[in-house]
Amino acid sequence: MLTETHAIILHKQDFKENEAILTTYCEELGRVNFILYGANSKRAGKRQSYLQPLSLVVIIADVRPNRPLQVVKSIRSDMPLTHLLSDPYKSTTALFIAEFLMHSLRTSERDKGLFLFLKETILWLELCDTGSVCNLHIAFLTRLSVFMGFTPNLGPVVHHFEYFDLSQSEYIRYARSGGETIDSGQQTFLRSLLRINYRNMGLFHFSRTERNELIDRIVRYYQLQIQGFGELRTLDILHTVFDF
C-alpha cells in the first residue's frame, strides 16, 4: 500500500552500485528501513544533501507488513537544514544524536509524541547559537529519557540512604561493589540537571572536563537501561569538537 509519511533520516548505507538502505524514524510508521533505488545516480545529486543524518524528509513508499525493507517511491526534503550541514558543532551533534537513536529506538511502533520531540530537537539544533549548541545533546538525552520511560526517579532522599543506584533507579544505603551509583552530593546536581531544556540550556555552564564526564555518565545510564545498547563511535568525536 502506498503510504506518505514525514520521516527523519538516521542512517544511510550504500547498497550495491546504485541503491541505498535508509534507516528512518517516521511519524506514521515508527522506525523503518527503506530501500532507495537510484540513490547515487547523476539525477539524484541534490538528493544527497537531504539524506544526511537528521534530515527531515517526506517519503512515499510501498509499505507491506513483515517486509524487512520498504520500497521508496519518492522522497523529498521537508525542510532545508543549511546550518546543520555547514556548522561543524551542529553536524557533529547531529551525527551523535542520529547514532544514539539507532542504538536506542529498537521497535517499529510509532509514537507521534516522540517524533514531534525529535523534530523539535532538530529545529533547535538548526537555529541555536554556539553558546547553546554545546549543551544541546545533554538536554536531548535528558528529555529523551522521558519518552523512553526511565527518567531517574529522584524523589526525597531516604533517611540514611546515601547513594542512588542508576541501574535499579533506587536509593541504597551502601555503594554496591561494581555498581553504578551517585552519592548524595551528585544527587543535588542531577536534580538540577533534570530541569535542563532547549530554552534554558545556554544558562548551564560546564568546563570541557565537566561536560565530557557528564555526557559519559548519561550515556552509561542509557547503556544500563537498554540491553545490548553497545558503544557509540561518535562519542569521542563529540568530546574532541566541544573543547571549550
Foldseek 3Di string as FASTA:
>chain_A
DKDKWKWFWLDWDDDPDQKIWTFIQTQVWGTAIAIEGRCPPPVNVVVVQQNAQGFIKMFIWDDDPPDRHIYTPDMDGPDHQVCCVVPPLNVLLSNQVSLLCVLQRDDRDHDNVVVVVSNVLSVLSSPPDPLQSLCSSLQVLLVVCVVVVCRQPDDDADPQQFKAFLLVSGTHNDDDVVTQIDGNVVSVVVVVSSPDHSVCRSVDDDALVRSLVVVVSSVVSVPSVDDPSDDDPSSVVSSVVPND
